PDB file of N, CA and C in Angstrom:
ATOM      1  N   MET A   1     -62.477 -63.056  23.531  1.00  0.00           N
ATOM      2  CA  MET A   1     -62.972 -64.211  24.244  1.00  0.00           C
ATOM      3  C   MET A   1     -63.091 -65.368  23.245  1.00  0.00           C
ATOM      4  N   VAL A   2     -62.757 -66.581  23.717  1.00  0.00           N
ATOM      5  CA  VAL A   2     -62.837 -67.788  22.896  1.00  0.00           C
ATOM      6  C   VAL A   2     -63.749 -68.792  23.584  1.00  0.00           C
ATOM      7  N   LYS A   3     -64.622 -69.403  22.789  1.00  0.00           N
ATOM      8  CA  LYS A   3     -65.474 -70.474  23.306  1.00  0.00           C
ATOM      9  C   LYS A   3     -65.002 -71.792  22.701  1.00  0.00           C
ATOM     10  N   HIS A   4     -64.975 -72.809  23.545  1.00  0.00           N
ATOM     11  CA  HIS A   4     -64.470 -74.144  23.187  1.00  0.00           C
ATOM     12  C   HIS A   4     -65.564 -75.143  23.553  1.00  0.00           C
ATOM     13  N   ILE A   5     -66.110 -75.816  22.537  1.00  0.00           N
ATOM     14  CA  ILE A   5     -67.198 -76.773  22.730  1.00  0.00           C
ATOM     15  C   ILE A   5     -66.708 -78.148  22.283  1.00  0.00           C
ATOM     16  N   VAL A   6     -66.917 -79.152  23.121  1.00  0.00           N
ATOM     17  CA  VAL A   6     -66.531 -80.529  22.779  1.00  0.00           C
ATOM     18  C   VAL A   6     -67.701 -81.444  23.117  1.00  0.00           C
ATOM     19  N   MET A   7     -67.957 -82.415  22.239  1.00  0.00           N
ATOM     20  CA  MET A   7     -68.976 -83.427  22.521  1.00  0.00           C
ATOM     21  C   MET A   7     -68.358 -84.809  22.332  1.00  0.00           C
ATOM     22  N   TRP A   8     -68.743 -85.725  23.224  1.00  0.00           N
ATOM     23  CA  TRP A   8     -68.222 -87.093  23.173  1.00  0.00           C
ATOM     24  C   TRP A   8     -69.355 -88.104  23.171  1.00  0.00           C
ATOM     25  N   LYS A   9     -69.081 -89.250  22.551  1.00  0.00           N
ATOM     26  CA  LYS A   9     -69.911 -90.442  22.719  1.00  0.00           C
ATOM     27  C   LYS A   9     -69.140 -91.360  23.652  1.00  0.00           C
ATOM     28  N   VAL A  10     -69.826 -91.873  24.647  1.00  0.00           N
ATOM     29  CA  VAL A  10     -69.211 -92.710  25.678  1.00  0.00           C
ATOM     30  C   VAL A  10     -69.423 -94.178  25.320  1.00  0.00           C
ATOM     31  N   LYS A  11     -68.405 -94.998  25.603  1.00  0.00           N
ATOM     32  CA  LYS A  11     -68.500 -96.439  25.349  1.00  0.00           C
ATOM     33  C   LYS A  11     -69.653 -97.038  26.141  1.00  0.00           C
ATOM     34  N   GLU A  12     -70.338 -97.990  25.533  1.00  0.00           N
ATOM     35  CA  GLU A  12     -71.479 -98.645  26.182  1.00  0.00           C
ATOM     36  C   GLU A  12     -71.054 -99.551  27.331  1.00  0.00           C
ATOM     37  N   HIS A  13     -70.054-100.375  27.117  1.00  0.00           N
ATOM     38  CA  HIS A  13     -69.611-101.325  28.141  1.00  0.00           C
ATOM     39  C   HIS A  13     -68.205-100.918  28.568  1.00  0.00           C
ATOM     40  N   GLU A  14     -68.104-100.354  29.733  1.00  0.00           N
ATOM     41  CA  GLU A  14     -66.847 -99.753  30.178  1.00  0.00           C
ATOM     42  C   GLU A  14     -66.466-100.273  31.555  1.00  0.00           C
ATOM     43  N   VAL A  15     -65.196-100.575  31.737  1.00  0.00           N
ATOM     44  CA  VAL A  15     -64.711-101.091  33.022  1.00  0.00           C
ATOM     45  C   VAL A  15     -64.742-100.038  34.120  1.00  0.00           C
ATOM     46  N   HIS A  16     -64.901 -98.769  33.753  1.00  0.00           N
ATOM     47  CA  HIS A  16     -64.927 -97.685  34.740  1.00  0.00           C
ATOM     48  C   HIS A  16     -66.295 -97.521  35.397  1.00  0.00           C
ATOM     49  N   GLY A  17     -67.258 -98.353  35.035  1.00  0.00           N
ATOM     50  CA  GLY A  17     -68.599 -98.273  35.602  1.00  0.00           C
ATOM     51  C   GLY A  17     -69.647 -98.276  34.508  1.00  0.00           C
ATOM     52  N   THR A  18     -70.896 -98.084  34.898  1.00  0.00           N
ATOM     53  CA  THR A  18     -71.965 -97.996  33.907  1.00  0.00           C
ATOM     54  C   THR A  18     -71.770 -96.731  33.078  1.00  0.00           C
ATOM     55  N   LYS A  19     -72.455 -96.662  31.968  1.00  0.00           N
ATOM     56  CA  LYS A  19     -72.349 -95.483  31.115  1.00  0.00           C
ATOM     57  C   LYS A  19     -72.720 -94.224  31.895  1.00  0.00           C
ATOM     58  N   GLN A  20     -73.779 -94.283  32.677  1.00  0.00           N
ATOM     59  CA  GLN A  20     -74.200 -93.128  33.478  1.00  0.00           C
ATOM     60  C   GLN A  20     -73.127 -92.751  34.498  1.00  0.00           C
ATOM     61  N   GLU A  21     -72.541 -93.740  35.158  1.00  0.00           N
ATOM     62  CA  GLU A  21     -71.476 -93.470  36.138  1.00  0.00           C
ATOM     63  C   GLU A  21     -70.269 -92.828  35.471  1.00  0.00           C
ATOM     64  N   VAL A  22     -69.920 -93.309  34.290  1.00  0.00           N
ATOM     65  CA  VAL A  22     -68.781 -92.760  33.554  1.00  0.00           C
ATOM     66  C   VAL A  22     -69.046 -91.308  33.166  1.00  0.00           C
ATOM     67  N   MET A  23     -70.253 -91.019  32.707  1.00  0.00           N
ATOM     68  CA  MET A  23     -70.582 -89.646  32.317  1.00  0.00           C
ATOM     69  C   MET A  23     -70.512 -88.706  33.519  1.00  0.00           C
ATOM     70  N   ILE A  24     -70.953 -89.160  34.664  1.00  0.00           N
ATOM     71  CA  ILE A  24     -70.869 -88.346  35.886  1.00  0.00           C
ATOM     72  C   ILE A  24     -69.408 -88.131  36.280  1.00  0.00           C
ATOM     73  N   LYS A  25     -68.576 -89.169  36.151  1.00  0.00           N
ATOM     74  CA  LYS A  25     -67.138 -89.018  36.438  1.00  0.00           C
ATOM     75  C   LYS A  25     -66.513 -87.983  35.511  1.00  0.00           C
ATOM     76  N   MET A  26     -66.858 -88.047  34.224  1.00  0.00           N
ATOM     77  CA  MET A  26     -66.335 -87.067  33.270  1.00  0.00           C
ATOM     78  C   MET A  26     -66.754 -85.660  33.667  1.00  0.00           C
ATOM     79  N   LYS A  27     -68.024 -85.487  33.976  1.00  0.00           N
ATOM     80  CA  LYS A  27     -68.547 -84.169  34.370  1.00  0.00           C
ATOM     81  C   LYS A  27     -67.790 -83.631  35.575  1.00  0.00           C
ATOM     82  N   ASN A  28     -67.654 -84.445  36.604  1.00  0.00           N
ATOM     83  CA  ASN A  28     -66.979 -84.003  37.828  1.00  0.00           C
ATOM     84  C   ASN A  28     -65.510 -83.687  37.587  1.00  0.00           C
ATOM     85  N   ALA A  29     -64.830 -84.531  36.821  1.00  0.00           N
ATOM     86  CA  ALA A  29     -63.402 -84.318  36.561  1.00  0.00           C
ATOM     87  C   ALA A  29     -63.172 -83.051  35.745  1.00  0.00           C
ATOM     88  N   LEU A  30     -63.954 -82.864  34.693  1.00  0.00           N
ATOM     89  CA  LEU A  30     -63.774 -81.689  33.846  1.00  0.00           C
ATOM     90  C   LEU A  30     -64.171 -80.405  34.567  1.00  0.00           C
ATOM     91  N   GLU A  31     -65.292 -80.420  35.266  1.00  0.00           N
ATOM     92  CA  GLU A  31     -65.701 -79.217  35.998  1.00  0.00           C
ATOM     93  C   GLU A  31     -64.758 -78.931  37.159  1.00  0.00           C
ATOM     94  N   GLY A  32     -64.042 -79.942  37.627  1.00  0.00           N
ATOM     95  CA  GLY A  32     -63.045 -79.759  38.675  1.00  0.00           C
ATOM     96  C   GLY A  32     -61.849 -78.934  38.229  1.00  0.00           C
ATOM     97  N   LEU A  33     -61.725 -78.703  36.928  1.00  0.00           N
ATOM     98  CA  LEU A  33     -60.631 -77.875  36.414  1.00  0.00           C
ATOM     99  C   LEU A  33     -60.892 -76.383  36.620  1.00  0.00           C
ATOM    100  N   LYS A  34     -62.129 -76.029  36.942  1.00  0.00           N
ATOM    101  CA  LYS A  34     -62.467 -74.614  37.154  1.00  0.00           C
ATOM    102  C   LYS A  34     -61.621 -74.051  38.292  1.00  0.00           C
ATOM    103  N   GLY A  35     -61.007 -72.916  38.043  1.00  0.00           N
ATOM    104  CA  GLY A  35     -60.160 -72.271  39.041  1.00  0.00           C
ATOM    105  C   GLY A  35     -58.762 -72.852  39.128  1.00  0.00           C
ATOM    106  N   GLN A  36     -58.479 -73.877  38.338  1.00  0.00           N
ATOM    107  CA  GLN A  36     -57.178 -74.544  38.383  1.00  0.00           C
ATOM    108  C   GLN A  36     -56.243 -74.107  37.254  1.00  0.00           C
ATOM    109  N   ILE A  37     -56.820 -73.530  36.201  1.00  0.00           N
ATOM    110  CA  ILE A  37     -56.029 -73.209  35.012  1.00  0.00           C
ATOM    111  C   ILE A  37     -56.265 -71.754  34.627  1.00  0.00           C
ATOM    112  N   LYS A  38     -55.182 -71.005  34.584  1.00  0.00           N
ATOM    113  CA  LYS A  38     -55.236 -69.582  34.241  1.00  0.00           C
ATOM    114  C   LYS A  38     -55.856 -69.393  32.852  1.00  0.00           C
ATOM    115  N   GLY A  39     -56.759 -68.424  32.748  1.00  0.00           N
ATOM    116  CA  GLY A  39     -57.377 -68.091  31.472  1.00  0.00           C
ATOM    117  C   GLY A  39     -58.675 -68.815  31.200  1.00  0.00           C
ATOM    118  N   LEU A  40     -58.980 -69.849  31.995  1.00  0.00           N
ATOM    119  CA  LEU A  40     -60.248 -70.574  31.871  1.00  0.00           C
ATOM    120  C   LEU A  40     -61.292 -69.817  32.684  1.00  0.00           C
ATOM    121  N   GLN A  41     -62.186 -69.110  32.001  1.00  0.00           N
ATOM    122  CA  GLN A  41     -63.184 -68.280  32.678  1.00  0.00           C
ATOM    123  C   GLN A  41     -64.382 -69.080  33.165  1.00  0.00           C
ATOM    124  N   GLU A  42     -64.801 -70.026  32.339  1.00  0.00           N
ATOM    125  CA  GLU A  42     -66.042 -70.746  32.628  1.00  0.00           C
ATOM    126  C   GLU A  42     -65.948 -72.149  32.048  1.00  0.00           C
ATOM    127  N   ILE A  43     -66.503 -73.125  32.769  1.00  0.00           N
ATOM    128  CA  ILE A  43     -66.559 -74.494  32.254  1.00  0.00           C
ATOM    129  C   ILE A  43     -67.848 -75.134  32.747  1.00  0.00           C
ATOM    130  N   GLU A  44     -68.533 -75.771  31.823  1.00  0.00           N
ATOM    131  CA  GLU A  44     -69.803 -76.429  32.143  1.00  0.00           C
ATOM    132  C   GLU A  44     -69.851 -77.734  31.363  1.00  0.00           C
ATOM    133  N   VAL A  45     -70.274 -78.803  32.016  1.00  0.00           N
ATOM    134  CA  VAL A  45     -70.391 -80.099  31.358  1.00  0.00           C
ATOM    135  C   VAL A  45     -71.824 -80.582  31.510  1.00  0.00           C
ATOM    136  N   GLY A  46     -72.425 -80.965  30.390  1.00  0.00           N
ATOM    137  CA  GLY A  46     -73.790 -81.462  30.403  1.00  0.00           C
ATOM    138  C   GLY A  46     -73.848 -82.919  29.990  1.00  0.00           C
ATOM    139  N   ILE A  47     -74.793 -83.640  30.583  1.00  0.00           N
ATOM    140  CA  ILE A  47     -75.043 -85.037  30.234  1.00  0.00           C
ATOM    141  C   ILE A  47     -76.354 -85.078  29.454  1.00  0.00           C
ATOM    142  N   ASN A  48     -76.279 -85.578  28.246  1.00  0.00           N
ATOM    143  CA  ASN A  48     -77.418 -85.580  27.335  1.00  0.00           C
ATOM    144  C   ASN A  48     -78.473 -86.601  27.749  1.00  0.00           C
ATOM    145  N   PHE A  49     -79.737 -86.229  27.599  1.00  0.00           N
ATOM    146  CA  PHE A  49     -80.828 -87.174  27.864  1.00  0.00           C
ATOM    147  C   PHE A  49     -81.473 -87.668  26.568  1.00  0.00           C
ATOM    148  N   ASN A  50     -81.076 -87.108  25.422  1.00  0.00           N
ATOM    149  CA  ASN A  50     -81.594 -87.516  24.122  1.00  0.00           C
ATOM    150  C   ASN A  50     -80.943 -88.841  23.729  1.00  0.00           C
ATOM    151  N   THR A  51     -81.744 -89.843  23.425  1.00  0.00           N
ATOM    152  CA  THR A  51     -81.208 -91.173  23.124  1.00  0.00           C
ATOM    153  C   THR A  51     -81.134 -91.470  21.630  1.00  0.00           C
ATOM    154  N   GLY A  52     -81.331 -90.468  20.790  1.00  0.00           N
ATOM    155  CA  GLY A  52     -81.271 -90.666  19.340  1.00  0.00           C
ATOM    156  C   GLY A  52     -79.883 -91.062  18.864  1.00  0.00           C
ATOM    157  N   ASP A  53     -79.822 -91.709  17.708  1.00  0.00           N
ATOM    158  CA  ASP A  53     -78.551 -92.192  17.161  1.00  0.00           C
ATOM    159  C   ASP A  53     -77.545 -91.073  16.904  1.00  0.00           C
ATOM    160  N   ALA A  54     -78.019 -89.896  16.538  1.00  0.00           N
ATOM    161  CA  ALA A  54     -77.120 -88.785  16.228  1.00  0.00           C
ATOM    162  C   ALA A  54     -76.669 -88.024  17.470  1.00  0.00           C
ATOM    163  N   ALA A  55     -77.229 -88.360  18.621  1.00  0.00           N
ATOM    164  CA  ALA A  55     -76.937 -87.624  19.854  1.00  0.00           C
ATOM    165  C   ALA A  55     -75.582 -88.010  20.432  1.00  0.00           C
ATOM    166  N   TYR A  56     -74.894 -87.024  20.969  1.00  0.00           N
ATOM    167  CA  TYR A  56     -73.667 -87.265  21.727  1.00  0.00           C
ATOM    168  C   TYR A  56     -74.041 -87.317  23.200  1.00  0.00           C
ATOM    169  N   ASP A  57     -73.219 -87.987  24.005  1.00  0.00           N
ATOM    170  CA  ASP A  57     -73.561 -88.255  25.405  1.00  0.00           C
ATOM    171  C   ASP A  57     -73.184 -87.134  26.368  1.00  0.00           C
ATOM    172  N   VAL A  58     -72.026 -86.533  26.142  1.00  0.00           N
ATOM    173  CA  VAL A  58     -71.499 -85.523  27.068  1.00  0.00           C
ATOM    174  C   VAL A  58     -71.049 -84.316  26.257  1.00  0.00           C
ATOM    175  N   VAL A  59     -71.338 -83.122  26.762  1.00  0.00           N
ATOM    176  CA  VAL A  59     -70.902 -81.898  26.098  1.00  0.00           C
ATOM    177  C   VAL A  59     -70.144 -81.022  27.095  1.00  0.00           C
ATOM    178  N   LEU A  60     -69.068 -80.429  26.618  1.00  0.00           N
ATOM    179  CA  LEU A  60     -68.272 -79.474  27.391  1.00  0.00           C
ATOM    180  C   LEU A  60     -68.421 -78.109  26.739  1.00  0.00           C
ATOM    181  N   TYR A  61     -68.778 -77.119  27.546  1.00  0.00           N
ATOM    182  CA  TYR A  61     -68.845 -75.728  27.104  1.00  0.00           C
ATOM    183  C   TYR A  61     -67.860 -74.969  27.971  1.00  0.00           C
ATOM    184  N   SER A  62     -66.900 -74.299  27.339  1.00  0.00           N
ATOM    185  CA  SER A  62     -65.919 -73.553  28.126  1.00  0.00           C
ATOM    186  C   SER A  62     -65.599 -72.228  27.448  1.00  0.00           C
ATOM    187  N   VAL A  63     -65.183 -71.266  28.274  1.00  0.00           N
ATOM    188  CA  VAL A  63     -64.874 -69.916  27.811  1.00  0.00           C
ATOM    189  C   VAL A  63     -63.473 -69.559  28.294  1.00  0.00           C
ATOM    190  N   PHE A  64     -62.677 -68.994  27.378  1.00  0.00           N
ATOM    191  CA  PHE A  64     -61.294 -68.619  27.677  1.00  0.00           C
ATOM    192  C   PHE A  64     -61.070 -67.149  27.355  1.00  0.00           C
ATOM    193  N   ASP A  65     -60.053 -66.587  27.978  1.00  0.00           N
ATOM    194  CA  ASP A  65     -59.715 -65.181  27.747  1.00  0.00           C
ATOM    195  C   ASP A  65     -59.427 -64.907  26.277  1.00  0.00           C
ATOM    196  N   ASN A  66     -58.673 -65.816  25.647  1.00  0.00           N
ATOM    197  CA  ASN A  66     -58.225 -65.642  24.270  1.00  0.00           C
ATOM    198  C   ASN A  66     -57.687 -66.977  23.742  1.00  0.00           C
ATOM    199  N   LYS A  67     -57.203 -66.980  22.494  1.00  0.00           N
ATOM    200  CA  LYS A  67     -56.676 -68.215  21.897  1.00  0.00           C
ATOM    201  C   LYS A  67     -55.490 -68.760  22.686  1.00  0.00           C
ATOM    202  N   GLU A  68     -54.643 -67.864  23.162  1.00  0.00           N
ATOM    203  CA  GLU A  68     -53.470 -68.298  23.932  1.00  0.00           C
ATOM    204  C   GLU A  68     -53.886 -69.014  25.214  1.00  0.00           C
ATOM    205  N   ALA A  69     -54.940 -68.538  25.846  1.00  0.00           N
ATOM    206  CA  ALA A  69     -55.436 -69.185  27.065  1.00  0.00           C
ATOM    207  C   ALA A  69     -55.970 -70.581  26.754  1.00  0.00           C
ATOM    208  N   LEU A  70     -56.646 -70.748  25.618  1.00  0.00           N
ATOM    209  CA  LEU A  70     -57.120 -72.071  25.203  1.00  0.00           C
ATOM    210  C   LEU A  70     -55.936 -73.002  24.956  1.00  0.00           C
ATOM    211  N   GLU A  71     -54.916 -72.511  24.277  1.00  0.00           N
ATOM    212  CA  GLU A  71     -53.719 -73.325  24.025  1.00  0.00           C
ATOM    213  C   GLU A  71     -53.034 -73.707  25.336  1.00  0.00           C
ATOM    214  N   TYR A  72     -52.984 -72.780  26.267  1.00  0.00           N
ATOM    215  CA  TYR A  72     -52.391 -73.045  27.581  1.00  0.00           C
ATOM    216  C   TYR A  72     -53.169 -74.143  28.297  1.00  0.00           C
ATOM    217  N   TYR A  73     -54.493 -74.062  28.263  1.00  0.00           N
ATOM    218  CA  TYR A  73     -55.374 -75.071  28.864  1.00  0.00           C
ATOM    219  C   TYR A  73     -55.131 -76.441  28.238  1.00  0.00           C
ATOM    220  N   GLN A  74     -55.060 -76.482  26.912  1.00  0.00           N
ATOM    221  CA  GLN A  74     -54.919 -77.759  26.219  1.00  0.00           C
ATOM    222  C   GLN A  74     -53.603 -78.454  26.541  1.00  0.00           C
ATOM    223  N   ALA A  75     -52.576 -77.693  26.885  1.00  0.00           N
ATOM    224  CA  ALA A  75     -51.274 -78.273  27.221  1.00  0.00           C
ATOM    225  C   ALA A  75     -51.048 -78.392  28.725  1.00  0.00           C
ATOM    226  N   HIS A  76     -51.986 -77.910  29.527  1.00  0.00           N
ATOM    227  CA  HIS A  76     -51.811 -77.885  30.983  1.00  0.00           C
ATOM    228  C   HIS A  76     -51.846 -79.303  31.556  1.00  0.00           C
ATOM    229  N   PRO A  77     -50.936 -79.622  32.481  1.00  0.00           N
ATOM    230  CA  PRO A  77     -50.883 -80.974  33.060  1.00  0.00           C
ATOM    231  C   PRO A  77     -52.194 -81.442  33.701  1.00  0.00           C
ATOM    232  N   LYS A  78     -52.934 -80.551  34.330  1.00  0.00           N
ATOM    233  CA  LYS A  78     -54.203 -80.966  34.962  1.00  0.00           C
ATOM    234  C   LYS A  78     -55.247 -81.343  33.911  1.00  0.00           C
ATOM    235  N   HIS A  79     -55.299 -80.593  32.823  1.00  0.00           N
ATOM    236  CA  HIS A  79     -56.200 -80.940  31.727  1.00  0.00           C
ATOM    237  C   HIS A  79     -55.767 -82.253  31.086  1.00  0.00           C
ATOM    238  N   LEU A  80     -54.482 -82.402  30.827  1.00  0.00           N
ATOM    239  CA  LEU A  80     -53.977 -83.623  30.199  1.00  0.00           C
ATOM    240  C   LEU A  80     -54.222 -84.846  31.068  1.00  0.00           C
ATOM    241  N   GLU A  81     -54.142 -84.686  32.371  1.00  0.00           N
ATOM    242  CA  GLU A  81     -54.415 -85.800  33.281  1.00  0.00           C
ATOM    243  C   GLU A  81     -55.863 -86.276  33.128  1.00  0.00           C
ATOM    244  N   VAL A  82     -56.803 -85.352  33.130  1.00  0.00           N
ATOM    245  CA  VAL A  82     -58.216 -85.712  32.965  1.00  0.00           C
ATOM    246  C   VAL A  82     -58.440 -86.325  31.577  1.00  0.00           C
ATOM    247  N   ALA A  83     -57.868 -85.705  30.558  1.00  0.00           N
ATOM    248  CA  ALA A  83     -58.055 -86.185  29.186  1.00  0.00           C
ATOM    249  C   ALA A  83     -57.470 -87.579  28.991  1.00  0.00           C
ATOM    250  N   ASN A  84     -56.243 -87.784  29.448  1.00  0.00           N
ATOM    251  CA  ASN A  84     -55.551 -89.050  29.199  1.00  0.00           C
ATOM    252  C   ASN A  84     -55.981 -90.177  30.120  1.00  0.00           C
ATOM    253  N   GLU A  85     -56.228 -89.873  31.381  1.00  0.00           N
ATOM    254  CA  GLU A  85     -56.521 -90.924  32.351  1.00  0.00           C
ATOM    255  C   GLU A  85     -58.001 -91.270  32.451  1.00  0.00           C
ATOM    256  N   LEU A  86     -58.866 -90.427  31.902  1.00  0.00           N
ATOM    257  CA  LEU A  86     -60.295 -90.735  31.958  1.00  0.00           C
ATOM    258  C   LEU A  86     -60.954 -90.599  30.588  1.00  0.00           C
ATOM    259  N   VAL A  87     -61.034 -89.390  30.090  1.00  0.00           N
ATOM    260  CA  VAL A  87     -61.872 -89.107  28.925  1.00  0.00           C
ATOM    261  C   VAL A  87     -61.510 -89.967  27.715  1.00  0.00           C
ATOM    262  N   ARG A  88     -60.249 -90.035  27.350  1.00  0.00           N
ATOM    263  CA  ARG A  88     -59.856 -90.806  26.157  1.00  0.00           C
ATOM    264  C   ARG A  88     -60.057 -92.305  26.339  1.00  0.00           C
ATOM    265  N   GLN A  89     -60.084 -92.759  27.567  1.00  0.00           N
ATOM    266  CA  GLN A  89     -60.262 -94.185  27.826  1.00  0.00           C
ATOM    267  C   GLN A  89     -61.722 -94.616  27.782  1.00  0.00           C
ATOM    268  N   VAL A  90     -62.648 -93.697  27.969  1.00  0.00           N
ATOM    269  CA  VAL A  90     -64.061 -94.071  28.088  1.00  0.00           C
ATOM    270  C   VAL A  90     -64.926 -93.580  26.925  1.00  0.00           C
ATOM    271  N   THR A  91     -64.320 -92.903  25.955  1.00  0.00           N
ATOM    272  CA  THR A  91     -65.100 -92.368  24.840  1.00  0.00           C
ATOM    273  C   THR A  91     -64.709 -93.031  23.524  1.00  0.00           C
ATOM    274  N   ILE A  92     -65.655 -93.017  22.585  1.00  0.00           N
ATOM    275  CA  ILE A  92     -65.393 -93.625  21.280  1.00  0.00           C
ATOM    276  C   ILE A  92     -65.335 -92.599  20.153  1.00  0.00           C
ATOM    277  N   SER A  93     -65.883 -91.418  20.375  1.00  0.00           N
ATOM    278  CA  SER A  93     -65.781 -90.373  19.360  1.00  0.00           C
ATOM    279  C   SER A  93     -65.905 -89.006  20.014  1.00  0.00           C
ATOM    280  N   ARG A  94     -65.396 -88.002  19.274  1.00  0.00           N
ATOM    281  CA  ARG A  94     -65.323 -86.643  19.811  1.00  0.00           C
ATOM    282  C   ARG A  94     -65.466 -85.670  18.656  1.00  0.00           C
ATOM    283  N   VAL A  95     -66.214 -84.599  18.883  1.00  0.00           N
ATOM    284  CA  VAL A  95     -66.265 -83.483  17.936  1.00  0.00           C
ATOM    285  C   VAL A  95     -65.993 -82.210  18.725  1.00  0.00           C
ATOM    286  N   VAL A  96     -65.383 -81.250  18.056  1.00  0.00           N
ATOM    287  CA  VAL A  96     -64.976 -80.031  18.757  1.00  0.00           C
ATOM    288  C   VAL A  96     -65.143 -78.823  17.839  1.00  0.00           C
ATOM    289  N   THR A  97     -65.431 -77.682  18.439  1.00  0.00           N
ATOM    290  CA  THR A  97     -65.400 -76.414  17.715  1.00  0.00           C
ATOM    291  C   THR A  97     -64.873 -75.333  18.652  1.00  0.00           C
ATOM    292  N   ASP A  98     -64.093 -74.448  18.101  1.00  0.00           N
ATOM    293  CA  ASP A  98     -63.548 -73.302  18.828  1.00  0.00           C
ATOM    294  C   ASP A  98     -63.874 -72.054  18.011  1.00  0.00           C
ATOM    295  N   TYR A  99     -64.327 -71.003  18.690  1.00  0.00           N
ATOM    296  CA  TYR A  99     -64.627 -69.778  17.961  1.00  0.00           C
ATOM    297  C   TYR A  99     -64.408 -68.559  18.846  1.00  0.00           C
ATOM    298  N   CYS A 100     -64.137 -67.440  18.180  1.00  0.00           N
ATOM    299  CA  CYS A 100     -63.905 -66.175  18.878  1.00  0.00           C
ATOM    300  C   CYS A 100     -65.210 -65.395  18.975  1.00  0.00           C
ATOM    301  N   VAL A 101     -65.369 -64.707  20.097  1.00  0.00           N
ATOM    302  CA  VAL A 101     -66.510 -63.827  20.310  1.00  0.00           C
ATOM    303  C   VAL A 101     -65.950 -62.430  20.521  1.00  0.00           C
ATOM    304  N   GLU A 102     -66.395 -61.510  19.719  1.00  0.00           N
ATOM    305  CA  GLU A 102     -65.898 -60.131  19.824  1.00  0.00           C
ATOM    306  C   GLU A 102     -66.602 -59.397  20.943  1.00  0.00           C
TER     307      GLU A 102
END
């Protein structure tokens, strides 16, 4: 099993809506991938309420069957659509970690 965690900081002034509206759009779009991509077991998106400078705004927690399933997800057209048409346009920074669970 592989876990894939991503955190983003969202732009303050965005044409896609207020920061809160954008974060909700991200949550809905990413969680909408559940059941759409083979090997994606679980996906959860959280919106942070911590307003500290070091805090990220949105976090993605996802679980995959294995590394190959994660690679398949990352190249899948539905994932790329969400990433390219929304997430990359409304965020200013991203951190990610992937790890195996035995």
